[in-house]
Amino acid sequence: MTETDQRNRAGTLSFDLTSRPWIPVLRLDGTQDELSLREVFGQAAELRRIVGDLPTQEFALVRLLLAVAHDALDGPVDLEHWSDLWGDADCFAAVAPYLDKHRGRFDLLDERVPFFQTAGLRTAKYEVFSLNRIVADVPNGEPFFTARMPTVDRLTFAEAARWVAHAHAFDTSGIKSGVEGDERAKNGKVYPLGVGWAGNLGGVFVEGRSLRETLLLNLVAADTSNLHFEGVDLPAWRRAPHGPGGAERSPTGVRDVYTWQTRRLRLHFDEDGVHGVVLGYGDPLTSRNKHRYEPMTAWRRSRAQERKHGEAQAYLPREHDPAHSAWRGIAALVSSRTEAAQGSDAAEYLRPGILEWVARLVTEGELERGFLIRTRVIGAVYGTQQSVIDEIVDDHLSMAVVLLHQQDRNAARQATAAVHDADSAVNALGDLATNLARAAGTETEGPRTTARERAYGELEAHYRVWLTRLAEAGDPYEERAAWQRLVHQAISGLGDQFIANAGDKAWQGRTLELKKSTVWLNSALAAKWFRKALSEGLGHPNQSDTQPPDAGTAPAPPTVKAHA
């Protein structure tokens, strides 16, 4: 970039996000590029997806693009409006004049209203801090930009723009600098007020075949019954510039919550790039009962919060478990609110509003039942009082939209039940590993954990393939039976390996004390228990396995088994 390119007409440095490349993208042909906001929307049909320095950065950028689209299109107001957009190859034509109109608020380096920043932000001592404060180190202690260790000395303007968006979404908690004008500051510090808004979420959005489809599939109509939209829902760049400190208020809708300013920050730069930052807390936003505003996460009911605040219902974001792949949590994605209620007056879990919206699209015929989406799950796992990011969750699950259909629930129920089949088989293999270790007189926890990890790893690829075929199946129940046979074969094969490798001590066995009796436990008996449990858990998928030799006279498995 030349010095002339960096300067605006007033002669001051400028980096216009509407025209300067800063958003990394993956094209449909597999090549990567970096585009401006205008170019991203103009070429959306030719792009596969946004990419980022981290998956959480991708999540933050997708939300920013959605806020632009919602505001530029002033909608969609209803399903008919959305349908017109879906069928229009030039559906984002309104974005370019919109960006022209609000161009002044998209300059990263503007002196008065810098993008996502607070002009003149400073501490009492005019300190400027390392860029490490906004560049996420993941995992903790192993900085992402290892070439820049031990500190991030400089960022290009494009990099800095991405990390500014990421800071508002996923910045860590902890003690931060007290800036002049922030009434929350005590002795130059502001004590922990929580992570960036998206850091509270188990982030979920859906991907189509192109970025154009992805943006439209996540563009929720304003007449959606389970989401709240006020008459005037504005993104951050259409609100008055923020001063130091923060104000507690309720969001006005998705445009507001997607661009929520959880931080106050100001970049320090010269003609060669950004070299420092001032970072403080911004607008707080409590996560309790924000399910009517935030569609990109599942929600769980909290009895503790209901008692604490005297509310009939209280929901908190359902964060991702990094130990579980997305396919194992499919129930949280496809279960309707009625199914999740399980007979009570309120659902224990709410699936993400984005998936409720896609469910509406397929139920009302806007999407074909076999239309494939890729459900992305992205989230940050914080450690040490949320002052560091320990881990990032990034996974996906490809499935046909029929699994979200609000009336035809057969496919969804079989998909969920198939995960229960897998859990049952994994438990049986874990019990086998435990019993083989007991027979050999060795510790049990390590072998059990290893067995379960191997089993889930073995089944994951099978399940993902099976799930994509489920929509084309004439009978979901027959597909479920085929899945049970596949699981039985795969886990039985793993069991055979464990038994063969158990060693002489397990083959010889030893006496195991039960509550009311004793049993001579060896690998042969452990194998009988395993095959019986496997077949019963999977509904006896293979008739020849329903009654293993002498199984009827084998002692019952010990009741001290520990299921994870």
Protein backbone atom coordinates (compact mmCIF):
# COMPACT_ATOMS: atom_id res chain seq x y z
CA MET A 1 0.00 0.00 0.00
CA THR A 2 1.45 3.39 -0.95
CA GLU A 3 1.39 6.42 1.29
CA THR A 4 -1.11 8.04 -1.09
CA ASP A 5 -3.45 5.06 -0.79
CA GLN A 6 -3.29 5.26 2.99
CA ARG A 7 -4.29 8.91 3.17
CA ASN A 8 -7.72 10.42 2.72
CA ARG A 9 -8.44 13.80 1.19
CA ALA A 10 -7.78 15.58 4.48
CA GLY A 11 -4.26 14.19 4.46
CA THR A 12 -4.72 11.90 7.46
CA LEU A 13 -4.14 8.17 7.43
CA SER A 14 -7.14 6.10 6.33
CA PHE A 15 -8.03 2.42 5.92
CA ASP A 16 -11.52 2.15 4.43
CA LEU A 17 -12.95 -1.32 5.14
CA THR A 18 -15.55 -0.93 2.41
CA SER A 19 -12.88 -0.70 -0.31
CA ARG A 20 -9.59 -2.02 1.15
CA PRO A 21 -8.97 -5.82 1.19
CA TRP A 22 -9.04 -7.21 4.74
CA ILE A 23 -11.42 -10.20 4.86
CA PRO A 24 -9.76 -13.57 4.02
CA VAL A 25 -11.90 -15.81 1.82
CA LEU A 26 -11.79 -19.25 0.23
CA ARG A 27 -13.03 -19.31 -3.35
CA LEU A 28 -15.05 -22.15 -4.86
CA ASP A 29 -12.00 -23.19 -6.90
CA GLY A 30 -9.97 -23.66 -3.69
CA THR A 31 -7.82 -20.53 -3.98
CA GLN A 32 -7.60 -18.00 -1.17
CA ASP A 33 -7.93 -14.24 -1.41
CA GLU A 34 -8.43 -11.14 0.70
CA LEU A 35 -11.36 -8.86 -0.13
CA SER A 36 -13.05 -5.65 0.97
CA LEU A 37 -16.58 -5.55 2.34
CA ARG A 38 -17.88 -4.41 -1.04
CA GLU A 39 -16.05 -7.20 -2.86
CA VAL A 40 -17.23 -9.91 -0.44
CA PHE A 41 -20.88 -9.13 -1.14
CA GLY A 42 -20.29 -8.56 -4.84
CA GLN A 43 -18.53 -11.92 -5.25
CA ALA A 44 -20.44 -13.93 -2.61
CA ALA A 45 -21.71 -16.48 -5.14
CA GLU A 46 -18.11 -17.25 -6.16
CA LEU A 47 -16.82 -17.73 -2.61
CA ARG A 48 -16.93 -20.88 -0.50
CA ARG A 49 -16.56 -19.29 2.91
CA ILE A 50 -14.83 -16.77 5.10
CA VAL A 51 -11.58 -17.93 6.68
CA GLY A 52 -9.85 -16.31 9.60
CA ASP A 53 -6.67 -16.36 11.62
CA LEU A 54 -8.72 -18.44 14.09
CA PRO A 55 -12.15 -20.11 13.75
CA THR A 56 -13.53 -17.67 16.33
CA GLN A 57 -12.42 -14.83 14.07
CA GLU A 58 -14.40 -16.40 11.23
CA PHE A 59 -17.47 -16.53 13.49
CA ALA A 60 -17.08 -12.84 14.38
CA LEU A 61 -16.68 -11.83 10.72
CA VAL A 62 -19.72 -13.83 9.58
CA ARG A 63 -21.80 -12.06 12.21
CA LEU A 64 -20.51 -8.69 11.03
CA LEU A 65 -21.43 -9.54 7.42
CA LEU A 66 -24.90 -10.61 8.52
CA ALA A 67 -25.40 -7.30 10.35
CA VAL A 68 -24.45 -5.45 7.16
CA ALA A 69 -26.84 -7.59 5.09
CA HIS A 70 -29.76 -7.23 7.52
CA ASP A 71 -29.35 -3.46 7.62
CA ALA A 72 -28.70 -2.91 3.92
CA LEU A 73 -31.69 -5.04 2.92
CA ASP A 74 -33.80 -3.75 5.82
CA GLY A 75 -34.96 -7.28 6.42
CA PRO A 76 -35.92 -9.78 5.38
CA VAL A 77 -39.23 -8.65 6.80
CA ASP A 78 -40.99 -11.97 6.26
CA LEU A 79 -40.72 -15.32 4.50
CA GLU A 80 -41.88 -13.91 1.16
CA HIS A 81 -39.15 -11.28 1.27
CA TRP A 82 -36.57 -13.96 2.04
CA SER A 83 -37.84 -16.13 -0.81
CA ASP A 84 -37.42 -13.25 -3.25
CA LEU A 85 -33.84 -12.78 -2.08
CA TRP A 86 -33.07 -16.51 -2.36
CA GLY A 87 -34.27 -16.52 -5.97
CA ASP A 88 -32.48 -13.31 -6.96
CA ALA A 89 -28.92 -13.78 -8.24
CA ASP A 90 -28.27 -10.09 -7.46
CA CYS A 91 -29.83 -10.23 -3.99
CA PHE A 92 -27.03 -8.16 -2.39
CA ALA A 93 -27.22 -5.29 -4.88
CA ALA A 94 -28.38 -2.92 -2.13
CA VAL A 95 -25.20 -3.47 -0.09
CA ALA A 96 -22.89 -1.35 -2.28
CA PRO A 97 -24.93 1.90 -2.01
CA TYR A 98 -25.47 1.15 1.68
CA LEU A 99 -21.71 0.95 2.26
CA ASP A 100 -21.26 4.19 0.31
CA LYS A 101 -23.81 5.89 2.55
CA HIS A 102 -22.14 4.75 5.80
CA ARG A 103 -18.57 4.74 4.51
CA GLY A 104 -17.43 7.25 7.13
CA ARG A 105 -18.11 4.75 9.92
CA PHE A 106 -16.05 1.98 8.28
CA ASP A 107 -12.67 3.70 8.37
CA LEU A 108 -10.39 1.84 10.77
CA LEU A 109 -8.12 4.87 11.26
CA ASP A 110 -10.63 7.72 11.34
CA GLU A 111 -9.80 10.39 13.92
CA ARG A 112 -13.40 10.99 15.07
CA VAL A 113 -15.27 7.70 14.56
CA PRO A 114 -12.76 4.86 13.96
CA PHE A 115 -14.45 1.57 13.14
CA PHE A 116 -15.38 -0.41 16.28
CA GLN A 117 -13.19 1.90 18.38
CA THR A 118 -13.41 4.94 20.66
CA ALA A 119 -11.65 8.06 19.46
CA GLY A 120 -9.21 9.57 21.94
CA LEU A 121 -9.37 6.61 24.32
CA ARG A 122 -6.50 6.83 26.81
CA THR A 123 -5.38 5.95 30.30
CA ALA A 124 -4.46 8.55 32.88
CA LYS A 125 -0.79 7.97 32.11
CA TYR A 126 -1.23 7.83 28.31
CA GLU A 127 0.01 4.24 28.19
CA VAL A 128 -0.02 2.28 24.93
CA PHE A 129 -0.03 -1.50 25.31
CA SER A 130 1.19 -4.48 23.32
CA LEU A 131 -1.00 -5.90 20.57
CA ASN A 132 -0.94 -9.18 22.51
CA ARG A 133 -3.99 -7.76 24.27
CA ILE A 134 -6.16 -8.26 21.17
CA VAL A 135 -4.32 -11.06 19.33
CA ALA A 136 -5.61 -14.29 20.84
CA ASP A 137 -2.99 -16.81 21.99
CA VAL A 138 -4.46 -20.27 21.49
CA PRO A 139 -3.82 -22.57 23.19
CA ASN A 140 -2.82 -20.63 26.28
CA GLY A 141 0.93 -20.20 26.49
CA GLU A 142 1.49 -21.07 22.81
CA PRO A 143 0.87 -17.86 20.81
CA PHE A 144 -0.88 -18.36 17.49
CA PHE A 145 1.57 -16.09 15.69
CA THR A 146 4.62 -18.07 16.80
CA ALA A 147 6.89 -16.12 14.41
CA ARG A 148 6.12 -13.02 16.47
CA MET A 149 6.94 -14.47 19.88
CA PRO A 150 7.20 -13.35 22.57
CA THR A 151 5.14 -10.29 21.58
CA VAL A 152 3.12 -9.10 18.62
CA ASP A 153 5.05 -5.99 17.64
CA ARG A 154 3.06 -4.99 14.57
CA LEU A 155 -0.03 -5.80 12.57
CA THR A 156 -1.02 -4.74 9.09
CA PHE A 157 -4.17 -2.63 8.97
CA ALA A 158 -6.07 -5.63 7.52
CA GLU A 159 -4.93 -7.91 10.35
CA ALA A 160 -5.74 -5.27 12.94
CA ALA A 161 -9.28 -4.84 11.59
CA ARG A 162 -9.93 -8.56 11.99
CA TRP A 163 -8.56 -8.64 15.53
CA VAL A 164 -10.65 -5.59 16.50
CA ALA A 165 -13.81 -7.45 15.45
CA HIS A 166 -12.56 -10.53 17.31
CA ALA A 167 -11.87 -8.57 20.50
CA HIS A 168 -15.47 -7.37 20.78
CA ALA A 169 -16.68 -10.94 20.25
CA PHE A 170 -14.19 -13.14 22.16
CA ASP A 171 -11.86 -10.99 24.28
CA THR A 172 -10.91 -12.57 27.60
CA SER A 173 -12.01 -11.29 31.00
CA GLY A 174 -9.62 -10.27 33.78
CA ILE A 175 -8.38 -6.94 35.10
CA LYS A 176 -8.16 -4.30 32.36
CA SER A 177 -6.80 -0.81 32.13
CA GLY A 178 -9.01 1.91 33.52
CA VAL A 179 -9.47 4.55 30.83
CA GLU A 180 -10.18 8.20 31.49
CA GLY A 181 -13.92 8.77 31.78
CA ASP A 182 -14.85 5.22 32.82
CA GLU A 183 -16.62 5.47 36.18
CA ARG A 184 -15.95 1.77 36.82
CA ALA A 185 -12.19 2.36 37.10
CA LYS A 186 -10.60 2.09 40.55
CA ASN A 187 -6.92 2.96 40.99
CA GLY A 188 -6.43 2.83 37.25
CA LYS A 189 -8.03 -0.60 36.84
CA VAL A 190 -11.41 -2.12 35.98
CA TYR A 191 -12.00 -5.48 37.58
CA PRO A 192 -13.32 -8.48 35.60
CA LEU A 193 -16.64 -7.92 33.84
CA GLY A 194 -16.71 -11.02 31.65
CA VAL A 195 -15.63 -12.14 28.20
CA GLY A 196 -16.75 -10.70 24.88
CA TRP A 197 -20.38 -11.48 24.06
CA ALA A 198 -19.74 -14.31 21.60
CA GLY A 199 -17.39 -15.90 24.13
CA ASN A 200 -20.47 -16.80 26.20
CA LEU A 201 -22.00 -18.77 23.34
CA GLY A 202 -21.76 -22.23 21.91
CA GLY A 203 -21.65 -20.64 18.47
CA VAL A 204 -23.73 -22.19 15.69
CA PHE A 205 -24.44 -21.14 12.12
CA VAL A 206 -25.25 -22.96 8.88
CA GLU A 207 -23.27 -23.07 5.66
CA GLY A 208 -24.56 -23.58 2.15
CA ARG A 209 -22.69 -24.33 -1.05
CA SER A 210 -21.40 -20.77 -1.35
CA LEU A 211 -21.00 -17.73 0.86
CA ARG A 212 -24.08 -16.27 -0.82
CA GLU A 213 -26.16 -19.23 0.36
CA THR A 214 -24.53 -19.14 3.79
CA LEU A 215 -25.44 -15.49 4.34
CA LEU A 216 -29.01 -16.00 3.13
CA LEU A 217 -29.57 -19.17 5.18
CA ASN A 218 -28.57 -17.27 8.33
CA LEU A 219 -30.60 -14.16 7.42
CA VAL A 220 -33.52 -14.59 9.80
CA ALA A 221 -36.79 -12.88 8.87
CA ALA A 222 -38.15 -10.23 11.24
CA ASP A 223 -41.48 -12.04 11.61
CA THR A 224 -39.83 -15.09 13.17
CA SER A 225 -41.91 -15.87 16.25
CA ASN A 226 -39.13 -17.02 18.59
CA LEU A 227 -36.90 -13.96 18.06
CA HIS A 228 -37.40 -10.36 19.13
CA PHE A 229 -36.98 -7.46 16.70
CA GLU A 230 -37.70 -3.89 17.73
CA GLY A 231 -38.90 -1.32 15.23
CA VAL A 232 -35.44 0.24 15.08
CA ASP A 233 -32.70 -2.40 15.25
CA LEU A 234 -29.34 -0.79 14.48
CA PRO A 235 -25.77 -2.13 14.15
CA ALA A 236 -22.93 -0.40 15.99
CA TRP A 237 -21.92 1.83 13.05
CA ARG A 238 -25.38 3.43 12.93
CA ARG A 239 -25.38 4.33 16.60
CA ALA A 240 -23.82 7.35 18.23
CA PRO A 241 -20.06 6.94 18.77
CA HIS A 242 -19.22 5.33 22.09
CA GLY A 243 -17.30 7.17 24.78
CA PRO A 244 -15.27 5.56 27.57
CA GLY A 245 -17.10 3.24 29.93
CA GLY A 246 -20.26 1.31 29.20
CA ALA A 247 -24.02 1.35 29.55
CA GLU A 248 -26.26 -1.60 30.38
CA ARG A 249 -29.26 -1.96 28.09
CA SER A 250 -31.21 -4.61 26.23
CA PRO A 251 -30.43 -5.43 22.59
CA THR A 252 -32.86 -4.33 19.89
CA GLY A 253 -32.36 -7.35 17.63
CA VAL A 254 -29.79 -9.32 15.68
CA ARG A 255 -28.15 -6.29 14.04
CA ASP A 256 -27.44 -4.94 17.50
CA VAL A 257 -26.33 -8.16 19.18
CA TYR A 258 -24.11 -9.23 16.23
CA THR A 259 -22.10 -6.00 16.62
CA TRP A 260 -22.35 -5.56 20.38
CA GLN A 261 -19.54 -3.34 21.67
CA THR A 262 -18.29 -5.29 24.68
CA ARG A 263 -14.98 -3.42 24.63
CA ARG A 264 -13.64 0.07 24.29
CA LEU A 265 -10.40 0.13 22.34
CA ARG A 266 -8.19 2.37 20.25
CA LEU A 267 -5.44 1.32 17.89
CA HIS A 268 -2.14 3.19 17.75
CA PHE A 269 -0.53 3.22 14.32
CA ASP A 270 1.76 4.88 11.85
CA GLU A 271 2.09 4.69 8.07
CA ASP A 272 3.58 1.19 8.30
CA GLY A 273 0.79 -0.39 10.33
CA VAL A 274 -0.53 -0.82 13.86
CA HIS A 275 1.94 -1.01 16.74
CA GLY A 276 -0.13 -0.69 19.95
CA VAL A 277 -3.58 -0.61 21.51
CA VAL A 278 -5.56 0.73 24.46
CA LEU A 279 -8.18 -1.79 25.58
CA GLY A 280 -10.90 -1.49 28.22
CA TYR A 281 -14.35 -2.80 29.02
CA GLY A 282 -17.38 -1.56 27.10
CA ASP A 283 -21.10 -2.28 27.23
CA PRO A 284 -22.02 -5.21 29.49
CA LEU A 285 -24.57 -7.76 28.35
CA THR A 286 -25.82 -10.48 30.69
CA SER A 287 -26.45 -13.81 29.00
CA ARG A 288 -29.53 -14.79 31.01
CA ASN A 289 -32.70 -14.97 28.89
CA LYS A 290 -31.22 -13.49 25.75
CA HIS A 291 -32.56 -16.35 23.64
CA ARG A 292 -35.09 -14.00 22.04
CA TYR A 293 -32.24 -11.87 20.70
CA GLU A 294 -29.32 -14.24 20.04
CA PRO A 295 -30.01 -16.99 17.46
CA MET A 296 -26.49 -18.39 17.08
CA THR A 297 -26.35 -20.70 20.09
CA ALA A 298 -28.37 -23.40 21.80
CA TRP A 299 -29.79 -22.62 25.26
CA ARG A 300 -30.23 -24.58 28.48
CA ARG A 301 -32.71 -23.98 31.25
CA SER A 302 -31.13 -22.93 34.57
CA ARG A 303 -33.06 -23.73 37.75
CA ALA A 304 -30.40 -21.92 39.79
CA GLN A 305 -30.95 -18.70 37.84
CA GLU A 306 -34.72 -19.06 38.20
CA ARG A 307 -34.40 -19.27 41.98
CA LYS A 308 -31.86 -16.45 42.15
CA HIS A 309 -33.92 -13.99 40.12
CA GLY A 310 -37.42 -15.22 40.99
CA GLU A 311 -38.22 -16.03 37.35
CA ALA A 312 -40.46 -18.79 36.02
CA GLN A 313 -37.95 -19.62 33.28
CA ALA A 314 -34.31 -18.72 32.86
CA TYR A 315 -32.13 -19.81 29.96
CA LEU A 316 -28.36 -19.56 29.55
CA PRO A 317 -26.25 -20.25 26.44
CA ARG A 318 -25.34 -23.91 26.02
CA GLU A 319 -21.58 -23.91 25.53
CA HIS A 320 -19.73 -26.53 23.50
CA ASP A 321 -17.93 -29.40 25.17
CA PRO A 322 -14.51 -29.70 23.49
CA ALA A 323 -14.40 -33.39 24.42
CA HIS A 324 -17.49 -34.16 22.28
CA SER A 325 -17.62 -34.05 18.49
CA ALA A 326 -20.59 -32.25 16.93
CA TRP A 327 -22.28 -35.48 15.81
CA ARG A 328 -22.59 -36.68 19.40
CA GLY A 329 -24.56 -33.53 20.25
CA ILE A 330 -26.95 -33.70 17.33
CA ALA A 331 -29.98 -33.79 19.66
CA ALA A 332 -29.25 -30.18 20.68
CA LEU A 333 -29.33 -29.21 17.01
CA VAL A 334 -32.34 -31.09 15.65
CA SER A 335 -34.70 -31.58 18.62
CA SER A 336 -37.73 -29.31 18.46
CA ARG A 337 -38.85 -27.32 21.50
CA THR A 338 -41.77 -29.68 22.06
CA GLU A 339 -39.48 -32.70 22.12
CA ALA A 340 -36.99 -30.94 24.40
CA ALA A 341 -39.75 -30.11 26.91
CA GLN A 342 -40.25 -33.81 27.74
CA GLY A 343 -43.67 -33.23 29.20
CA SER A 344 -42.80 -30.23 31.38
CA ASP A 345 -44.21 -26.74 30.96
CA ALA A 346 -40.96 -25.45 29.46
CA ALA A 347 -38.20 -26.98 27.38
CA GLU A 348 -35.01 -27.94 29.17
CA TYR A 349 -33.05 -27.04 26.05
CA LEU A 350 -33.69 -24.75 23.10
CA ARG A 351 -31.99 -25.41 19.81
CA PRO A 352 -30.32 -22.41 18.12
CA GLY A 353 -32.68 -19.87 16.62
CA ILE A 354 -30.77 -20.17 13.33
CA LEU A 355 -31.81 -23.82 13.11
CA GLU A 356 -35.40 -22.95 14.10
CA TRP A 357 -35.35 -20.56 11.15
CA VAL A 358 -34.01 -23.20 8.73
CA ALA A 359 -36.68 -25.56 10.11
CA ARG A 360 -39.28 -23.00 9.10
CA LEU A 361 -37.77 -22.74 5.61
CA VAL A 362 -38.00 -26.49 4.96
CA THR A 363 -41.39 -26.89 6.67
CA GLU A 364 -42.94 -24.16 4.53
CA GLY A 365 -41.37 -25.51 1.34
CA GLU A 366 -38.75 -22.82 0.69
CA LEU A 367 -36.00 -25.46 0.83
CA GLU A 368 -36.19 -28.98 -0.56
CA ARG A 369 -36.16 -31.72 2.06
CA GLY A 370 -32.89 -33.11 0.74
CA PHE A 371 -31.10 -29.75 0.66
CA LEU A 372 -27.77 -30.22 2.43
CA ILE A 373 -26.42 -27.75 4.95
CA ARG A 374 -23.25 -27.84 6.98
CA THR A 375 -23.91 -26.90 10.59
CA ARG A 376 -20.80 -25.20 11.97
CA VAL A 377 -20.11 -25.15 15.71
CA ILE A 378 -17.49 -22.70 16.95
CA GLY A 379 -16.70 -21.54 20.46
CA ALA A 380 -13.97 -20.54 22.88
CA VAL A 381 -13.12 -22.43 26.06
CA TYR A 382 -11.70 -20.09 28.70
CA GLY A 383 -9.50 -20.96 31.66
CA THR A 384 -8.10 -19.35 34.84
CA GLN A 385 -11.09 -17.16 35.67
CA GLN A 386 -11.73 -16.53 31.95
CA SER A 387 -8.49 -14.56 31.67
CA VAL A 388 -7.07 -16.84 28.95
CA ILE A 389 -8.43 -18.91 26.05
CA ASP A 390 -7.50 -22.53 26.69
CA GLU A 391 -9.06 -24.10 23.63
CA ILE A 392 -11.19 -23.38 20.57
CA VAL A 393 -13.99 -25.65 19.39
CA ASP A 394 -14.40 -25.88 15.62
CA ASP A 395 -16.48 -28.68 14.14
CA HIS A 396 -19.23 -29.22 11.61
CA LEU A 397 -22.01 -31.64 10.79
CA SER A 398 -23.42 -32.05 7.28
CA MET A 399 -27.10 -32.95 7.19
CA ALA A 400 -30.22 -32.61 5.08
CA VAL A 401 -32.69 -29.95 6.20
CA VAL A 402 -35.43 -32.58 6.52
CA LEU A 403 -33.91 -33.34 9.94
CA LEU A 404 -35.17 -29.91 11.03
CA HIS A 405 -38.68 -30.30 9.56
CA GLN A 406 -41.24 -29.19 12.15
CA GLN A 407 -43.92 -31.74 11.22
CA ASP A 408 -42.03 -34.71 9.79
CA ARG A 409 -39.81 -35.70 12.72
CA ASN A 410 -39.02 -39.30 11.72
CA ALA A 411 -35.58 -38.62 10.28
CA ALA A 412 -34.57 -36.40 13.20
CA ARG A 413 -35.66 -38.96 15.77
CA GLN A 414 -33.74 -41.75 14.07
CA ALA A 415 -30.65 -39.54 13.77
CA THR A 416 -30.79 -38.81 17.50
CA ALA A 417 -31.52 -42.43 18.38
CA ALA A 418 -28.54 -43.51 16.28
CA VAL A 419 -26.24 -41.50 18.56
CA HIS A 420 -27.78 -43.30 21.55
CA ASP A 421 -26.95 -46.58 19.76
CA ALA A 422 -23.36 -45.41 19.47
CA ASP A 423 -23.25 -44.40 23.14
CA SER A 424 -24.57 -47.81 24.18
CA ALA A 425 -21.97 -49.63 22.10
CA VAL A 426 -19.17 -47.40 23.37
CA ASN A 427 -20.25 -48.09 26.95
CA ALA A 428 -20.15 -51.82 26.26
CA LEU A 429 -16.61 -51.53 24.89
CA GLY A 430 -15.57 -49.38 27.85
CA ASP A 431 -16.94 -52.02 30.23
CA LEU A 432 -15.00 -54.68 28.33
CA ALA A 433 -11.75 -52.75 28.73
CA THR A 434 -12.52 -52.26 32.42
CA ASN A 435 -13.25 -55.93 33.00
CA LEU A 436 -10.16 -57.06 31.12
CA ALA A 437 -8.06 -54.79 33.32
CA ARG A 438 -9.77 -56.15 36.46
CA ALA A 439 -9.10 -59.70 35.28
CA ALA A 440 -5.41 -58.84 34.87
CA GLY A 441 -5.30 -57.00 38.20
CA THR A 442 -4.32 -53.63 36.67
CA GLU A 443 -5.80 -50.12 36.93
CA THR A 444 -9.01 -49.64 34.98
CA GLU A 445 -9.53 -45.94 34.25
CA GLY A 446 -6.84 -45.58 31.57
CA PRO A 447 -7.94 -48.60 29.50
CA ARG A 448 -11.59 -47.56 29.76
CA THR A 449 -10.89 -44.01 28.56
CA THR A 450 -8.71 -45.28 25.71
CA ALA A 451 -11.37 -47.76 24.62
CA ARG A 452 -14.10 -45.13 24.56
CA GLU A 453 -11.97 -42.67 22.60
CA ARG A 454 -11.11 -45.33 20.02
CA ALA A 455 -14.74 -46.35 19.70
CA TYR A 456 -16.06 -42.84 19.15
CA GLY A 457 -13.25 -42.18 16.70
CA GLU A 458 -14.15 -45.35 14.80
CA LEU A 459 -17.85 -44.46 14.61
CA GLU A 460 -17.56 -40.75 13.80
CA ALA A 461 -16.79 -41.05 10.10
CA HIS A 462 -19.43 -43.79 9.71
CA TYR A 463 -22.09 -41.63 11.35
CA ARG A 464 -21.34 -38.56 9.24
CA VAL A 465 -21.69 -40.60 6.03
CA TRP A 466 -24.82 -42.35 7.31
CA LEU A 467 -26.42 -39.02 8.25
CA THR A 468 -26.02 -37.54 4.77
CA ARG A 469 -27.78 -40.61 3.33
CA LEU A 470 -30.65 -40.50 5.80
CA ALA A 471 -32.63 -37.88 3.86
CA GLU A 472 -32.62 -40.05 0.71
CA ALA A 473 -33.78 -43.14 2.58
CA GLY A 474 -37.30 -44.32 1.88
CA ASP A 475 -37.66 -45.58 5.43
CA PRO A 476 -35.61 -43.93 8.21
CA TYR A 477 -36.31 -46.92 10.46
CA GLU A 478 -34.61 -49.28 8.01
CA GLU A 479 -31.64 -46.91 7.89
CA ARG A 480 -31.50 -47.00 11.67
CA ALA A 481 -31.41 -50.80 11.61
CA ALA A 482 -28.59 -50.67 9.06
CA TRP A 483 -26.74 -48.27 11.36
CA GLN A 484 -27.13 -50.63 14.32
CA ARG A 485 -25.63 -53.46 12.28
CA LEU A 486 -22.74 -51.24 11.25
CA VAL A 487 -22.10 -50.19 14.85
CA HIS A 488 -22.25 -53.79 16.03
CA GLN A 489 -19.71 -54.86 13.43
CA ALA A 490 -17.31 -51.98 14.12
CA ILE A 491 -17.38 -52.18 17.91
CA SER A 492 -17.36 -55.97 17.93
CA GLY A 493 -14.17 -55.84 15.86
CA LEU A 494 -12.56 -53.46 18.35
CA GLY A 495 -13.63 -55.76 21.17
CA ASP A 496 -11.95 -58.71 19.47
CA GLN A 497 -8.72 -56.71 19.31
CA PHE A 498 -8.90 -55.80 23.01
CA ILE A 499 -9.55 -59.40 23.99
CA ALA A 500 -6.69 -60.71 21.83
CA ASN A 501 -4.31 -58.14 23.34
CA ALA A 502 -5.42 -58.59 26.95
CA GLY A 503 -2.47 -60.84 27.82
CA ASP A 504 -1.96 -64.01 29.85
CA LYS A 505 -2.95 -62.51 33.20
CA ALA A 506 -6.39 -61.54 31.90
CA TRP A 507 -6.77 -64.95 30.24
CA GLN A 508 -5.98 -66.71 33.53
CA GLY A 509 -8.18 -64.30 35.51
CA ARG A 510 -8.72 -63.79 39.21
CA THR A 511 -11.46 -63.76 41.83
CA LEU A 512 -13.59 -60.61 41.86
CA GLU A 513 -15.57 -59.77 44.98
CA LEU A 514 -19.12 -58.64 44.26
CA LYS A 515 -21.67 -57.36 46.78
CA LYS A 516 -23.30 -60.72 47.41
CA SER A 517 -21.01 -63.20 45.71
CA THR A 518 -17.68 -63.79 44.05
CA VAL A 519 -16.89 -64.54 40.42
CA TRP A 520 -13.83 -65.81 38.62
CA LEU A 521 -13.30 -63.03 36.09
CA ASN A 522 -11.13 -63.73 33.07
CA SER A 523 -11.04 -62.55 29.46
CA ALA A 524 -13.48 -65.26 28.34
CA LEU A 525 -16.16 -64.13 30.81
CA ALA A 526 -15.47 -60.46 30.04
CA ALA A 527 -15.99 -61.27 26.35
CA LYS A 528 -19.36 -62.94 27.06
CA TRP A 529 -20.56 -59.96 29.06
CA PHE A 530 -19.40 -57.63 26.28
CA ARG A 531 -21.17 -59.46 23.46
CA LYS A 532 -24.37 -59.72 25.42
CA ALA A 533 -24.35 -56.04 26.37
CA LEU A 534 -23.49 -55.01 22.80
CA SER A 535 -26.32 -57.00 21.24
CA GLU A 536 -28.89 -55.94 23.83
CA GLY A 537 -27.90 -52.28 23.58
CA LEU A 538 -28.30 -52.34 19.81
CA GLY A 539 -31.56 -54.24 19.78
CA HIS A 540 -29.98 -57.56 18.73
CA PRO A 541 -29.08 -56.35 15.20
CA ASN A 542 -27.54 -59.74 14.28
CA GLN A 543 -29.68 -62.70 15.20
CA SER A 544 -26.65 -64.96 15.53
CA ASP A 545 -25.27 -62.71 18.25
CA THR A 546 -28.35 -62.51 20.44
CA GLN A 547 -27.41 -65.62 22.41
CA PRO A 548 -23.64 -66.15 22.68
CA PRO A 549 -22.50 -69.62 23.78
CA ASP A 550 -23.32 -70.28 27.44
CA ALA A 551 -24.51 -66.66 27.83
CA GLY A 552 -27.63 -67.82 29.58
CA THR A 553 -25.61 -69.39 32.39
CA ALA A 554 -22.96 -66.69 32.63
CA PRO A 555 -22.96 -64.68 35.85
CA ALA A 556 -24.42 -61.21 35.62
CA PRO A 557 -21.85 -58.45 34.95
CA PRO A 558 -20.66 -56.71 38.12
CA THR A 559 -22.73 -53.71 39.15
CA VAL A 560 -19.63 -51.61 39.85
CA LYS A 561 -19.26 -50.57 36.22
CA ALA A 562 -18.65 -46.85 35.78
CA HIS A 563 -20.23 -45.24 32.75
CA ALA A 564 -18.67 -41.97 31.54
